[in-house]
Protein backbone atom coordinates (compact mmCIF):
# COMPACT_ATOMS: atom_id res chain seq x y z
CA MET A 1 4.53 -11.04 -8.56
CA ILE A 2 5.73 -11.24 -4.92
CA GLU A 3 9.43 -11.58 -3.81
CA LYS A 4 10.95 -11.63 -0.48
CA VAL A 5 14.05 -9.66 -0.27
CA ASP A 6 16.40 -9.09 2.20
CA LEU A 7 17.90 -5.16 1.84
CA PHE A 8 18.47 -2.45 4.05
CA PHE A 9 16.92 1.13 3.04
CA PRO A 10 19.10 3.83 4.79
CA ALA A 11 16.20 6.33 4.37
CA LEU A 12 13.93 4.09 6.17
CA ARG A 13 15.01 5.54 9.71
CA LEU A 14 12.15 7.58 9.20
CA LEU A 15 10.38 4.78 10.65
CA SER A 16 10.56 4.02 14.26
CA SER A 17 10.58 0.19 13.51
CA LEU A 18 13.36 0.12 11.09
CA SER A 19 16.39 0.65 13.52
CA GLN A 20 17.70 -2.95 12.23
CA PRO A 21 18.00 -4.18 8.70
CA LYS A 22 15.35 -7.08 8.30
CA SER A 23 13.11 -9.08 5.53
CA TYR A 24 11.18 -7.00 2.69
CA PHE A 25 8.18 -8.24 0.89
CA TYR A 26 8.43 -6.59 -2.43
CA ILE A 27 5.20 -6.04 -4.73
CA PRO A 28 6.52 -4.92 -7.84
CA GLN A 29 2.87 -4.58 -9.69
CA VAL A 30 0.24 -3.79 -7.34
CA GLU A 31 -2.32 -3.47 -10.03
CA HIS A 32 -3.27 -7.20 -10.11
CA ARG A 33 -4.82 -6.73 -13.27
CA ASN A 34 -5.44 -10.50 -13.90
CA ASP A 35 -7.65 -10.65 -10.38
CA ASN A 36 -10.76 -9.18 -11.09
CA GLU A 37 -12.30 -10.70 -7.81
CA ASN A 38 -9.25 -9.66 -5.56
CA HIS A 39 -8.76 -13.45 -4.63
CA SER A 40 -5.08 -13.42 -4.99
CA LEU A 41 -5.07 -10.18 -2.80
CA LEU A 42 -6.85 -11.48 -0.15
CA ARG A 43 -4.98 -14.70 -0.37
CA PHE A 44 -1.78 -12.57 0.42
CA ASN A 45 -3.17 -10.36 2.70
CA SER A 46 -3.99 -13.14 4.79
CA LEU A 47 -0.66 -14.91 4.82
CA TRP A 48 1.07 -11.48 5.67
CA GLU A 49 -0.60 -10.98 8.54
CA GLU A 50 -0.42 -14.55 9.73
CA ALA A 51 3.20 -15.12 8.77
CA TYR A 52 5.19 -12.12 8.30
CA ARG A 53 4.06 -9.04 9.50
CA HIS A 54 5.81 -9.46 12.58
CA ASP A 55 9.42 -9.32 11.21
CA SER A 56 9.06 -8.21 7.94
CA LEU A 57 8.39 -4.86 6.06
CA LEU A 58 5.77 -4.55 3.06
CA VAL A 59 7.25 -2.54 0.40
CA PHE A 60 4.80 -1.75 -2.88
CA SER A 61 5.92 -0.57 -6.29
CA THR A 62 3.96 0.68 -8.90
CA GLY A 63 4.40 3.28 -12.15
CA ARG A 64 1.42 4.92 -11.08
CA ALA A 65 1.46 8.48 -9.90
CA LYS A 66 0.51 8.74 -5.83
CA THR A 67 -2.97 10.44 -6.69
CA MET A 68 -3.77 7.33 -9.07
CA TYR A 69 -2.18 4.82 -6.36
CA LYS A 70 -4.50 6.35 -3.95
CA LYS A 71 -7.69 5.61 -6.61
CA LEU A 72 -6.47 1.98 -6.65
CA ARG A 73 -6.53 1.87 -2.94
CA LYS A 74 -10.26 2.47 -2.71
CA ALA A 75 -11.06 0.29 -5.69
CA ARG A 76 -8.93 -3.03 -4.41
CA PRO A 77 -8.28 -4.40 -0.88
CA LEU A 78 -4.75 -3.50 -0.39
CA LEU A 79 -2.93 -3.55 2.71
CA THR A 80 -1.02 -0.31 3.81
CA PRO A 81 2.65 -0.70 2.77
CA ASP A 82 5.43 0.23 5.29
CA VAL A 83 7.15 1.71 1.63
CA ILE A 84 5.43 2.93 -1.72
CA VAL A 85 7.35 3.33 -4.27
CA THR A 86 5.54 5.36 -7.17
CA SER A 87 5.98 7.54 -10.27
CA VAL A 88 8.12 4.82 -11.77
CA GLY A 89 10.71 5.04 -8.86
CA THR A 90 10.75 8.66 -8.65
CA GLU A 91 8.97 9.16 -5.44
CA ILE A 92 9.19 6.95 -2.54
CA SER A 93 7.04 7.34 0.75
CA TYR A 94 6.76 5.85 4.31
CA GLY A 95 3.80 4.53 6.41
CA LYS A 96 -0.10 5.47 6.26
CA SER A 97 0.64 9.11 5.95
CA MET A 98 2.83 8.47 2.83
CA VAL A 99 5.45 10.50 4.19
CA PRO A 100 7.85 11.63 1.51
CA ASP A 101 11.36 10.80 1.40
CA GLU A 102 13.49 14.09 1.25
CA ASN A 103 16.58 12.20 0.43
CA TRP A 104 15.42 10.60 -2.48
CA VAL A 105 14.05 14.01 -4.04
CA GLU A 106 17.48 15.57 -3.33
CA ILE A 107 18.89 12.51 -5.42
CA MET A 108 16.19 13.05 -8.15
CA ASN A 109 17.35 16.74 -8.22
CA ASN A 110 20.79 16.09 -9.16
CA LYS A 111 21.21 17.10 -12.95
CA TRP A 112 17.47 17.42 -13.44
CA ASN A 113 15.38 20.37 -14.75
CA ARG A 114 11.73 19.50 -15.66
CA GLY A 115 11.40 23.18 -17.50
CA ILE A 116 14.33 22.28 -19.78
CA VAL A 117 12.87 18.92 -20.45
CA GLU A 118 9.62 20.28 -21.56
CA GLU A 119 11.25 22.55 -23.62
CA GLU A 120 13.13 19.83 -25.52
CA THR A 121 10.60 16.97 -25.55
CA ARG A 122 8.05 20.12 -27.36
CA LYS A 123 10.59 19.69 -30.25
CA PHE A 124 9.57 16.52 -30.66
CA PRO A 125 6.00 15.95 -33.00
CA GLU A 126 6.28 12.13 -32.30
CA LEU A 127 5.93 12.72 -28.78
CA THR A 128 2.26 13.04 -27.24
CA LEU A 129 1.99 14.25 -23.65
CA GLN A 130 -0.01 11.53 -21.57
CA ALA A 131 -3.04 13.00 -18.88
CA GLU A 132 -2.34 15.48 -16.69
CA THR A 133 -1.99 13.03 -13.54
CA GLU A 134 0.69 10.91 -15.01
CA GLN A 135 2.93 14.22 -15.07
CA MET A 136 5.23 14.39 -11.82
CA PRO A 137 8.01 16.55 -10.53
CA HIS A 138 10.48 14.10 -11.46
CA LYS A 139 8.65 12.22 -14.58
CA LEU A 140 7.54 13.37 -18.16
CA SER A 141 5.15 10.66 -19.53
CA PHE A 142 4.13 10.46 -23.33
CA HIS A 143 2.81 8.49 -26.30
CA VAL A 144 4.89 7.67 -29.16
CA ASP A 145 4.82 5.30 -31.91
CA LYS A 146 6.93 1.81 -31.27
CA SER A 147 8.55 2.45 -34.81
CA LYS A 148 9.87 6.00 -33.68
CA VAL A 149 11.27 5.14 -30.22
CA LYS A 150 14.71 4.59 -31.02
CA GLU A 151 15.16 7.45 -33.49
CA VAL A 152 13.74 9.47 -30.58
CA THR A 153 15.25 8.43 -27.87
CA LYS A 154 18.68 8.55 -29.10
CA GLU A 155 18.41 12.12 -30.21
CA LEU A 156 16.90 13.33 -26.87
CA TYR A 157 19.48 11.71 -25.23
CA GLN A 158 22.10 13.99 -27.07
CA ARG A 159 19.79 16.87 -26.80
CA LEU A 160 19.63 17.03 -23.04
CA GLU A 161 22.90 15.77 -22.20
CA LYS A 162 24.39 19.03 -24.04
CA ARG A 163 22.21 20.76 -21.68
CA GLY A 164 23.92 19.68 -18.80
CA LEU A 165 21.18 16.90 -17.84
CA GLU A 166 21.49 13.17 -16.99
CA ILE A 167 18.25 11.56 -17.73
CA LYS A 168 16.50 8.05 -18.50
CA ILE A 169 14.18 7.15 -20.79
CA ILE A 170 12.22 4.31 -20.20
CA PHE A 171 9.48 2.70 -22.72
CA SER A 172 7.18 0.08 -22.03
CA GLY A 173 3.96 -1.21 -23.27
CA GLY A 174 4.33 -0.57 -26.49
CA ILE A 175 3.60 2.79 -26.39
CA ALA A 176 4.65 4.67 -23.09
CA LEU A 177 7.56 6.64 -22.84
CA ASP A 178 8.69 8.10 -19.47
CA VAL A 179 11.52 10.48 -19.08
CA LEU A 180 12.93 10.63 -15.66
CA PRO A 181 16.09 11.79 -13.67
CA LYS A 182 19.32 9.31 -14.61
CA GLY A 183 18.90 8.30 -10.63
CA GLY A 184 15.20 7.10 -10.74
CA GLY A 185 13.42 3.98 -11.98
CA LYS A 186 12.07 1.21 -9.55
CA GLY A 187 15.07 -0.81 -9.02
CA GLN A 188 16.95 2.07 -7.96
CA ALA A 189 14.41 3.43 -5.78
CA LEU A 190 14.18 0.16 -4.15
CA SER A 191 18.24 -0.10 -3.88
CA LEU A 192 17.88 2.74 -1.79
CA SER A 193 15.95 2.39 0.42
CA ALA A 194 -6.41 -16.67 20.11
CA ASN A 195 -8.37 -19.49 20.93
CA LEU A 196 -10.89 -18.93 23.78
CA ASN A 197 -12.70 -15.46 25.05
CA ASP A 198 -13.25 -14.70 28.80
CA PRO A 199 -17.12 -15.21 29.86
CA ALA A 200 -16.87 -11.51 31.34
CA GLY A 201 -15.50 -10.27 28.15
CA VAL A 202 -16.78 -7.03 26.80
CA PHE A 203 -17.50 -5.80 23.01
CA VAL A 204 -17.95 -2.45 22.23
CA HIS A 205 -19.74 -1.70 19.13
CA PRO A 206 -18.90 0.99 16.89
CA SER A 207 -22.22 2.23 17.68
CA GLY A 208 -20.62 2.77 21.29
CA ALA A 209 -23.17 -0.22 22.77
CA GLU A 210 -21.26 -2.66 25.11
CA LYS A 211 -22.36 -6.33 24.77
CA SER A 212 -21.14 -9.06 25.82
CA LEU A 213 -18.32 -10.72 23.94
CA ARG A 214 -19.23 -14.43 24.25
CA GLY A 215 -22.72 -13.45 23.45
CA THR A 216 -21.68 -11.60 20.27
CA ILE A 217 -19.65 -14.42 19.22
CA ASP A 218 -22.35 -16.91 19.60
CA GLU A 219 -24.89 -14.53 17.70
CA LEU A 220 -22.99 -14.90 14.71
CA TRP A 221 -24.83 -17.97 13.57
CA LYS A 222 -27.78 -16.36 12.93
CA TYR A 223 -25.94 -14.59 9.98
CA HIS A 224 -24.98 -17.84 7.98
CA GLY A 225 -25.34 -17.37 4.32
CA ASP A 226 -26.19 -13.84 4.76
CA LYS A 227 -24.06 -12.91 2.06
CA LYS A 228 -25.13 -16.01 -0.23
CA ASP A 229 -24.54 -14.68 -3.86
CA LYS A 230 -23.42 -11.44 -3.02
CA LYS A 231 -19.58 -10.25 -3.55
CA PHE A 232 -18.52 -10.07 0.02
CA ARG A 233 -14.78 -9.77 1.30
CA VAL A 234 -13.43 -9.34 4.79
CA TRP A 235 -9.79 -8.31 5.08
CA ILE A 236 -7.55 -7.01 7.89
CA ASP A 237 -4.53 -4.19 7.65
CA GLN A 238 -2.45 -2.30 9.94
CA VAL A 239 -2.10 -4.95 12.35
CA LEU A 240 0.12 -3.98 15.55
CA ALA A 241 0.58 -5.89 18.74
CA THR A 242 2.07 -4.48 21.87
CA GLU A 243 2.93 -6.60 24.81
CA THR A 244 1.64 -4.02 27.72
CA THR A 245 2.51 -6.03 31.03
CA HIS A 246 3.87 -9.69 31.22
CA GLY A 247 1.37 -11.93 29.62
CA THR A 248 -1.06 -9.34 28.45
CA TRP A 249 -1.22 -8.04 24.89
CA ILE A 250 -3.04 -5.06 22.95
CA VAL A 251 -3.65 -5.65 19.51
CA LYS A 252 -4.76 -2.80 17.33
CA LEU A 253 -5.97 -3.55 13.64
CA ASP A 254 -8.38 -2.18 10.74
CA LYS A 255 -11.04 -4.53 9.66
CA TRP A 256 -12.52 -3.91 6.22
CA GLU A 257 -15.49 -5.15 5.07
CA GLN A 258 -16.55 -5.25 1.36
CA THR A 259 -20.53 -5.71 -0.33
CA GLY A 260 -20.50 -4.81 -3.97
CA ASN A 261 -18.74 -1.50 -3.87
CA GLU A 262 -19.54 -0.61 -0.42
CA ARG A 263 -16.78 -0.09 1.86
CA LYS A 264 -16.80 -0.19 5.67
CA CYS A 265 -13.76 -0.22 8.44
CA CYS A 266 -13.71 0.03 11.95
CA THR A 267 -10.50 0.38 13.95
CA THR A 268 -10.37 -2.61 16.40
CA THR A 269 -8.68 -2.87 19.42
CA VAL A 270 -8.31 -6.24 21.24
CA LYS A 271 -6.80 -6.97 24.66
CA PHE A 272 -5.52 -10.67 25.12
CA THR A 273 -4.02 -12.25 28.53
CA SER A 274 -2.34 -15.38 28.48
CA LYS A 275 -3.59 -18.01 30.90
CA GLU A 276 -2.10 -21.47 31.76
CA ASN A 277 -3.54 -24.44 29.67
CA GLU A 278 -5.82 -22.24 27.98
CA GLY A 279 -3.61 -20.22 25.63
CA PHE A 280 -4.51 -16.71 24.48
CA VAL A 281 -8.07 -15.41 25.89
CA TRP A 282 -10.10 -12.54 24.77
CA GLU A 283 -10.92 -10.10 27.39
CA ASN A 284 -12.10 -7.26 25.41
CA VAL A 285 -12.90 -5.67 22.13
CA GLN A 286 -13.58 -2.48 21.15
CA GLN A 287 -14.52 -1.08 17.67
CA THR A 288 -14.50 2.59 16.37
CA TRP A 289 -15.83 3.66 12.65
CA SER A 290 -12.55 4.52 10.77
CA GLU A 291 -12.09 8.01 9.37
CA GLU A 292 -11.32 6.05 5.89
CA SER A 293 -14.71 4.16 5.86
CA GLU A 294 -16.86 5.31 3.19
CA VAL A 295 -20.02 4.04 5.03
CA LYS A 296 -20.77 4.06 8.91
CA ASP A 297 -24.17 1.93 9.21
CA ASP A 298 -24.12 0.77 12.68
CA SER A 299 -27.35 -1.31 11.97
CA THR A 300 -25.41 -3.85 9.56
CA TRP A 301 -21.91 -4.13 11.27
CA ILE A 302 -21.68 -7.51 13.12
CA ILE A 303 -18.39 -7.78 14.55
């Protein structure tokens, strides 16, 4: 599910590009459980890069903890969002490095004491702790029988209120129960917060070898059908275009390829110049292996 929303996140001042309110694409469920072949994800990736990245910000939201979201990124061709909301809205992070929002941490700390919540929930035999990976500083997650939810929720609210805490309880999936600070939850977190190539153009392969750009492109025909009957996907991420001088642009991006379970990534820098009656002309392409690339095989990387 994808929603385009117009919001202003005060906390986004951590990012230099967010000095003004702008449009946000909000993806409230990044798991895409019904998209085993990643077709919907890849179509969205192309749409985002083509039509929206230049003037919008991408916001992902997931109930998963940050560590589990990182595992999901290794399994799916997810773009790198500008904002990621994790752990049922109790954590907000920014950018590729996932810098935490310290203001949001302060909000989560208000009238919250994890130790007291642990102490009181242990008094309920109906509650079974979920895996350790699901337990976070501002979220305790349990399994509970659906028939017991109403009774447990009512008494737990009363117990924690008497001890001076303000909490929220979220029941989902017919079995999962999360205890959060009152200000937590996805909704609260979100309310906060080229046509030609130059004949003299050069292509620098990740191996370091320099090749003719035009020759490299002309050579691609030899690989037609090379991936037939293989699960092969290509997508780009982290596209940034900068006009260095009038009519000259530098575009940086991460280009990903996946064959089966094997994923490779090159950081690519492209130089374009604008020429009369020709549009944008490719002048230079340089690629280096990304630190995130799981495989760095010079022999099988074409462009």
